Amino acid sequence: MSKIRVGLIRCDTHGMWFGPQMMAHDPKLLEHSTDDPELMQYESWLRRGVHYFFYTHYCAPDRMTAPFVEGFEITRLWDQKRKAAEVASRIFFGKPKVCDSFDEVSDDVDLVFISNCNGDGSDSVQLATPGLEKGVPTFVDKPFADNSANARKLLDLAAKRKTPLLSLSILQTNPPATQFKRRLEEVGQVSFGDVTCYSTHPAALIHAISTVHHIFGTGIKTVRAVVAPKHTSLHLDYGDRADRPEHGVVIHCGTARFRFTEMYANAYGPEGAIQGKVLDDYDASSGSAIILEHCKTMVQTGKVTPLFGEMVEGVAVMDACKTAETTGQAAKVGA
């Protein structure tokens, strides 16, 4: 196959995070793309937010330090704010066509890539339906959907059209999280863990749930919530599984004034405790590059990585978190 033609839906900070990792671009324009104050407030990439993490070599400011994934070409893109899409197209040397509507993005492409930096996933069904109806392999950024019912709608449509569908969080593929997981034997049998998260909003919470899945495993049974004015703690319990932390894992939301989107993980056991390296935006490009490799495999083979199952469970865990926060009672995952 020649280069995979990509239709990019939503030119937000995730779209312009993954985009420069898969297509040649102008680094100077990525660094300084607009002087329009209104547009600069729209997304952080328009305020150098992506360039800051992708070009970090002070002796060679034009040398990209984030990993680049060969084999893609963005040919179409769309954003609800057309000016942002036009700037994005210029960054890619004007090659992508700026579409008037999101359903046009899935015409004459090999992959529909729906980015979602700050949204809750409530528009995933709407944005993904045109491409899936046309049989175009589709990637839906995190969270896959805002609830399990909408996740099921997407899964059913993909199955009906026999079209590959994938959704992942960068924290499912983040190499530092993998390195932390490999250290768990240092504490013996893990009895408890915790993860910090910068917010309870679905865009952030799904990253924390994905971190828990990555490090401590899937199979979460129930969720309990402790809600304070400035802090929310979510206790994820695995039931009686002997291969999971006996006392579960707690996600602490809103615990600090983070610089960017840092997250931390800790694990406890009879042999001690370990704290992992901060999981931050400097490492995120390694995780997003792995996601692009998974997208490439999906398009080329029609096969989807089993990691997708973690995301589907993650949406169900989010449902339980909402219920636990609202009722103050334990909520079953998948109920």
Protein backbone atom coordinates (compact mmCIF):
# COMPACT_ATOMS: atom_id res chain seq x y z
CA MET A 1 0.00 0.00 0.00
CA SER A 2 1.15 3.55 -0.71
CA LYS A 3 0.78 6.12 2.05
CA ILE A 4 -2.36 5.82 4.15
CA ARG A 5 -4.63 8.73 3.30
CA VAL A 6 -5.96 10.21 6.53
CA GLY A 7 -9.07 12.27 7.07
CA LEU A 8 -8.60 14.26 10.31
CA ILE A 9 -11.72 15.31 12.17
CA ARG A 10 -11.22 18.10 14.70
CA CYS A 11 -8.06 20.20 14.58
CA ASP A 12 -7.75 20.48 18.33
CA THR A 13 -4.56 20.02 20.30
CA HIS A 14 -4.73 16.23 19.94
CA GLY A 15 -5.34 16.49 16.21
CA MET A 16 -2.31 18.72 15.94
CA TRP A 17 -0.37 16.43 18.25
CA PHE A 18 -0.89 13.28 16.20
CA GLY A 19 -0.85 15.18 12.90
CA PRO A 20 2.78 16.38 12.96
CA GLN A 21 3.84 12.87 13.98
CA MET A 22 2.42 11.43 10.77
CA MET A 23 2.95 14.13 8.15
CA ALA A 24 5.68 16.54 7.10
CA HIS A 25 5.02 20.02 8.44
CA ASP A 26 6.51 23.47 8.87
CA PRO A 27 8.00 23.61 12.40
CA LYS A 28 8.21 27.40 12.39
CA LEU A 29 4.52 27.68 11.55
CA LEU A 30 3.69 25.06 14.18
CA GLU A 31 5.56 27.24 16.67
CA HIS A 32 3.97 30.52 15.64
CA SER A 33 0.83 29.86 13.63
CA THR A 34 -1.34 32.90 14.28
CA ASP A 35 -1.48 36.39 15.79
CA ASP A 36 -5.27 36.27 16.11
CA PRO A 37 -6.00 36.61 19.88
CA GLU A 38 -9.37 34.87 19.55
CA LEU A 39 -7.90 31.95 17.63
CA MET A 40 -5.00 31.65 20.07
CA GLN A 41 -7.49 31.12 22.89
CA TYR A 42 -9.23 28.33 20.97
CA GLU A 43 -6.63 25.56 21.41
CA SER A 44 -3.23 25.40 23.10
CA TRP A 45 -1.45 24.22 19.92
CA LEU A 46 -2.23 27.66 18.47
CA ARG A 47 -0.19 29.06 21.37
CA ARG A 48 2.86 26.84 20.63
CA GLY A 49 1.52 24.11 22.93
CA VAL A 50 2.56 21.23 20.67
CA HIS A 51 5.77 22.72 19.33
CA TYR A 52 6.96 23.14 22.93
CA PHE A 53 7.09 19.35 23.39
CA PHE A 54 8.05 18.32 19.85
CA TYR A 55 11.11 20.53 19.32
CA THR A 56 13.26 20.44 22.45
CA HIS A 57 16.82 20.38 21.05
CA TYR A 58 18.22 23.82 21.82
CA CYS A 59 21.15 23.45 19.38
CA ALA A 60 18.88 22.44 16.50
CA PRO A 61 15.49 24.14 16.96
CA ASP A 62 14.20 22.77 13.64
CA ARG A 63 14.99 19.15 14.51
CA MET A 64 11.94 17.25 15.70
CA THR A 65 12.61 15.36 18.92
CA ALA A 66 9.22 13.62 19.05
CA PRO A 67 9.08 10.31 17.12
CA PHE A 68 7.77 10.46 13.55
CA VAL A 69 5.72 7.60 12.10
CA GLU A 70 6.12 7.00 8.37
CA GLY A 71 3.39 5.89 6.01
CA PHE A 72 0.64 8.48 6.50
CA GLU A 73 -0.59 11.48 4.54
CA ILE A 74 -3.32 13.79 5.82
CA THR A 75 -5.45 14.61 2.80
CA ARG A 76 -8.59 16.02 4.39
CA LEU A 77 -9.36 17.81 7.62
CA TRP A 78 -12.21 19.58 9.34
CA ASP A 79 -12.82 21.59 12.48
CA GLN A 80 -15.90 23.36 13.77
CA LYS A 81 -13.79 26.53 13.72
CA ARG A 82 -12.78 26.72 10.08
CA LYS A 83 -9.96 29.19 10.74
CA ALA A 84 -8.22 26.57 12.90
CA ALA A 85 -8.53 24.01 10.12
CA GLU A 86 -7.11 26.49 7.61
CA VAL A 87 -4.11 27.16 9.85
CA ALA A 88 -3.61 23.42 10.30
CA SER A 89 -3.64 22.88 6.54
CA ARG A 90 -1.00 25.59 6.08
CA ILE A 91 1.21 23.89 8.66
CA PHE A 92 1.07 20.79 6.43
CA PHE A 93 2.14 22.97 3.46
CA GLY A 94 -1.45 23.40 2.27
CA LYS A 95 -1.77 19.78 1.15
CA PRO A 96 -4.84 18.69 3.17
CA LYS A 97 -8.20 19.86 1.85
CA VAL A 98 -10.22 21.86 4.37
CA CYS A 99 -13.68 20.31 4.34
CA ASP A 100 -16.93 22.20 4.88
CA SER A 101 -18.47 19.40 6.96
CA PHE A 102 -17.12 16.47 8.96
CA ASP A 103 -18.92 13.89 6.83
CA GLU A 104 -16.80 14.97 3.83
CA VAL A 105 -13.62 13.97 5.68
CA SER A 106 -14.32 10.26 5.10
CA ASP A 107 -14.45 10.59 1.29
CA ASP A 108 -11.48 9.10 -0.60
CA VAL A 109 -9.44 8.29 2.51
CA ASP A 110 -8.09 5.07 4.04
CA LEU A 111 -8.43 6.13 7.67
CA VAL A 112 -10.70 8.49 9.56
CA PHE A 113 -8.92 9.89 12.61
CA ILE A 114 -11.21 11.62 15.11
CA SER A 115 -9.18 13.57 17.66
CA ASN A 116 -10.48 14.64 21.04
CA CYS A 117 -8.30 16.58 23.44
CA ASN A 118 -10.80 18.11 25.85
CA GLY A 119 -14.21 16.67 24.95
CA ASP A 120 -16.26 14.10 26.86
CA GLY A 121 -16.89 11.77 23.90
CA SER A 122 -20.56 12.71 23.59
CA ASP A 123 -20.15 13.48 19.87
CA SER A 124 -18.23 10.30 19.00
CA VAL A 125 -21.25 8.56 17.47
CA GLN A 126 -22.10 11.60 15.35
CA LEU A 127 -18.55 12.13 14.10
CA ALA A 128 -17.73 8.47 13.46
CA THR A 129 -20.95 7.40 11.77
CA PRO A 130 -20.29 8.77 8.23
CA GLY A 131 -16.93 7.04 7.92
CA LEU A 132 -18.15 3.76 9.41
CA GLU A 133 -21.17 3.80 7.10
CA LYS A 134 -18.73 4.12 4.16
CA GLY A 135 -16.60 1.25 5.47
CA VAL A 136 -13.57 3.41 6.29
CA PRO A 137 -11.37 2.18 9.18
CA THR A 138 -11.85 4.64 12.00
CA PHE A 139 -9.87 5.75 15.04
CA VAL A 140 -11.79 7.51 17.81
CA ASP A 141 -9.63 9.38 20.30
CA LYS A 142 -10.25 9.04 24.03
CA PRO A 143 -12.72 8.74 25.54
CA PHE A 144 -14.25 6.31 23.04
CA ALA A 145 -17.71 7.56 24.05
CA ASP A 146 -19.35 9.40 26.92
CA ASN A 147 -21.16 6.27 28.13
CA SER A 148 -21.42 2.55 27.46
CA ALA A 149 -24.66 2.90 25.51
CA ASN A 150 -23.01 5.12 22.92
CA ALA A 151 -19.93 2.89 22.90
CA ARG A 152 -22.23 -0.02 22.03
CA LYS A 153 -23.78 1.99 19.18
CA LEU A 154 -20.34 2.47 17.64
CA LEU A 155 -19.38 -1.17 18.13
CA ASP A 156 -22.64 -2.36 16.58
CA LEU A 157 -22.29 -0.05 13.57
CA ALA A 158 -18.70 -1.15 12.98
CA ALA A 159 -19.75 -4.79 13.19
CA LYS A 160 -22.68 -4.23 10.86
CA ARG A 161 -20.45 -2.57 8.26
CA LYS A 162 -17.58 -5.00 8.95
CA THR A 163 -15.33 -1.98 9.42
CA PRO A 164 -12.29 -1.85 11.75
CA LEU A 165 -12.76 0.51 14.68
CA LEU A 166 -10.21 1.51 17.30
CA SER A 167 -9.95 3.81 20.30
CA LEU A 168 -6.98 4.22 22.64
CA SER A 169 -5.57 6.57 25.26
CA ILE A 170 -1.92 7.59 25.11
CA LEU A 171 -1.65 6.28 28.69
CA GLN A 172 -2.40 2.77 27.42
CA THR A 173 0.76 2.89 25.31
CA ASN A 174 2.97 5.26 27.34
CA PRO A 175 6.45 3.62 27.69
CA PRO A 176 7.18 5.09 31.17
CA ALA A 177 3.95 3.47 32.45
CA THR A 178 5.17 0.17 30.98
CA GLN A 179 8.51 0.62 32.75
CA PHE A 180 6.69 1.24 36.03
CA LYS A 181 4.62 -1.92 35.54
CA ARG A 182 7.83 -3.94 35.13
CA ARG A 183 8.98 -2.76 38.57
CA LEU A 184 5.94 -4.07 40.46
CA GLU A 185 7.74 -7.20 41.58
CA GLU A 186 9.95 -4.97 43.74
CA VAL A 187 7.10 -4.65 46.27
CA GLY A 188 6.13 -8.34 46.16
CA GLN A 189 2.44 -9.06 45.60
CA VAL A 190 0.90 -5.62 44.98
CA SER A 191 -1.76 -5.00 47.60
CA PHE A 192 -2.73 -1.41 46.77
CA GLY A 193 -2.04 1.29 44.21
CA ASP A 194 -2.91 4.88 43.48
CA VAL A 195 -2.81 7.23 40.52
CA THR A 196 -3.10 11.02 40.48
CA CYS A 197 -5.28 12.76 37.93
CA TYR A 198 -5.73 16.43 37.21
CA SER A 199 -9.55 16.37 36.88
CA THR A 200 -12.72 14.28 37.03
CA HIS A 201 -13.67 15.49 33.55
CA PRO A 202 -13.93 12.49 31.16
CA ALA A 203 -11.09 13.81 28.98
CA ALA A 204 -8.74 13.53 31.98
CA LEU A 205 -10.39 10.70 33.90
CA ILE A 206 -10.15 8.24 31.00
CA HIS A 207 -6.37 8.79 31.02
CA ALA A 208 -6.26 7.90 34.72
CA ILE A 209 -8.41 4.80 34.22
CA SER A 210 -6.18 3.81 31.31
CA THR A 211 -3.13 4.22 33.55
CA VAL A 212 -4.73 1.91 36.11
CA HIS A 213 -5.45 -0.64 33.38
CA HIS A 214 -1.92 -0.36 32.01
CA ILE A 215 -0.14 -0.80 35.33
CA PHE A 216 -2.49 -2.79 37.56
CA GLY A 217 -4.73 -4.58 35.05
CA THR A 218 -8.32 -4.73 33.84
CA GLY A 219 -11.31 -6.42 35.48
CA ILE A 220 -12.50 -3.59 37.76
CA LYS A 221 -15.75 -4.63 39.48
CA THR A 222 -16.96 -1.70 41.55
CA VAL A 223 -16.26 1.99 42.13
CA ARG A 224 -16.72 4.09 45.26
CA ALA A 225 -16.29 7.85 45.47
CA VAL A 226 -15.24 10.32 48.15
CA VAL A 227 -16.12 13.84 47.05
CA ALA A 228 -14.66 16.87 48.81
CA PRO A 229 -14.84 20.55 47.77
CA LYS A 230 -11.38 20.51 46.15
CA HIS A 231 -10.69 16.83 45.75
CA THR A 232 -12.37 13.63 44.57
CA SER A 233 -11.05 10.13 45.24
CA LEU A 234 -12.33 7.16 43.26
CA HIS A 235 -11.71 3.69 44.67
CA LEU A 236 -11.58 0.98 42.00
CA ASP A 237 -12.06 -2.54 43.37
CA TYR A 238 -11.19 -5.78 41.58
CA GLY A 239 -13.28 -8.05 43.81
CA ASP A 240 -11.66 -11.35 44.72
CA ARG A 241 -9.15 -11.59 41.86
CA ALA A 242 -5.90 -12.96 43.26
CA ASP A 243 -3.87 -11.43 40.42
CA ARG A 244 -4.96 -7.87 41.12
CA PRO A 245 -4.29 -5.48 44.05
CA GLU A 246 -6.21 -6.92 47.00
CA HIS A 247 -7.22 -3.49 48.30
CA GLY A 248 -7.83 -1.98 44.88
CA VAL A 249 -6.53 1.23 43.34
CA VAL A 250 -7.48 4.81 44.15
CA ILE A 251 -7.54 7.61 41.59
CA HIS A 252 -6.97 11.00 43.25
CA CYS A 253 -8.50 13.76 41.11
CA GLY A 254 -7.55 17.41 41.39
CA THR A 255 -4.70 16.86 43.84
CA ALA A 256 -2.25 19.53 42.71
CA ARG A 257 -1.66 22.48 40.41
CA PHE A 258 0.05 20.53 37.67
CA ARG A 259 2.19 22.34 35.09
CA PHE A 260 0.67 20.45 32.17
CA THR A 261 -1.10 17.10 32.40
CA GLU A 262 1.26 15.23 34.73
CA MET A 263 0.14 12.03 36.39
CA TYR A 264 1.85 9.91 39.05
CA ALA A 265 1.50 6.27 40.08
CA ASN A 266 2.40 4.47 43.30
CA ALA A 267 2.33 0.79 44.20
CA TYR A 268 2.43 -0.80 47.65
CA GLY A 269 3.16 -4.32 48.84
CA PRO A 270 4.80 -6.34 51.63
CA GLU A 271 8.30 -5.53 50.33
CA GLY A 272 7.80 -1.76 50.21
CA ALA A 273 6.47 0.95 47.92
CA ILE A 274 7.53 2.45 44.60
CA GLN A 275 6.73 5.73 42.88
CA GLY A 276 7.01 5.90 39.14
CA LYS A 277 8.49 8.62 36.99
CA VAL A 278 6.06 11.42 36.31
CA LEU A 279 3.86 10.63 33.30
CA ASP A 280 3.85 13.94 31.47
CA ASP A 281 3.57 15.54 28.05
CA TYR A 282 7.28 15.11 27.33
CA ASP A 283 6.73 11.34 27.19
CA ALA A 284 3.31 11.45 25.55
CA SER A 285 4.65 11.59 21.98
CA SER A 286 6.17 8.12 22.44
CA GLY A 287 2.75 6.78 23.41
CA SER A 288 0.97 8.54 20.54
CA ALA A 289 3.54 7.16 18.08
CA ILE A 290 2.63 3.65 19.22
CA ILE A 291 -1.05 4.46 18.70
CA LEU A 292 -0.27 5.52 15.13
CA GLU A 293 1.48 2.19 14.57
CA HIS A 294 -1.68 0.44 15.80
CA CYS A 295 -3.72 2.55 13.36
CA LYS A 296 -1.40 1.57 10.54
CA THR A 297 -1.79 -2.12 11.38
CA MET A 298 -5.56 -1.72 11.51
CA VAL A 299 -5.69 -0.21 8.02
CA GLN A 300 -3.23 -2.66 6.50
CA THR A 301 -4.57 -5.86 8.05
CA GLY A 302 -8.06 -5.09 9.29
CA LYS A 303 -6.98 -6.32 12.74
CA VAL A 304 -7.43 -4.24 15.88
CA THR A 305 -5.11 -4.42 18.91
CA PRO A 306 -6.61 -6.11 22.00
CA LEU A 307 -5.88 -2.87 23.87
CA PHE A 308 -9.17 -1.62 22.43
CA GLY A 309 -10.94 -3.84 24.96
CA GLU A 310 -9.32 -1.84 27.76
CA MET A 311 -10.84 1.36 26.37
CA VAL A 312 -14.31 -0.21 26.18
CA GLU A 313 -13.99 -1.25 29.84
CA GLY A 314 -12.67 2.23 30.60
CA VAL A 315 -15.93 3.79 29.39
CA ALA A 316 -17.88 1.40 31.63
CA VAL A 317 -15.67 2.38 34.58
CA MET A 318 -16.37 6.05 33.81
CA ASP A 319 -20.10 5.26 33.96
CA ALA A 320 -19.61 3.71 37.38
CA CYS A 321 -17.56 6.69 38.56
CA LYS A 322 -20.40 9.06 37.63
CA THR A 323 -22.92 6.90 39.46
CA ALA A 324 -20.74 6.61 42.56
CA GLU A 325 -20.13 10.36 42.67
CA THR A 326 -23.85 11.09 42.28
CA THR A 327 -25.29 8.51 44.69
CA GLY A 328 -22.50 8.22 47.24
CA GLN A 329 -22.88 4.45 46.98
CA ALA A 330 -20.74 1.70 45.48
CA ALA A 331 -21.43 1.36 41.75
CA LYS A 332 -20.96 -1.82 39.76
CA VAL A 333 -19.00 -1.60 36.51
CA GLY A 334 -21.20 -2.63 33.61
CA ALA A 335 -24.41 -2.43 35.62
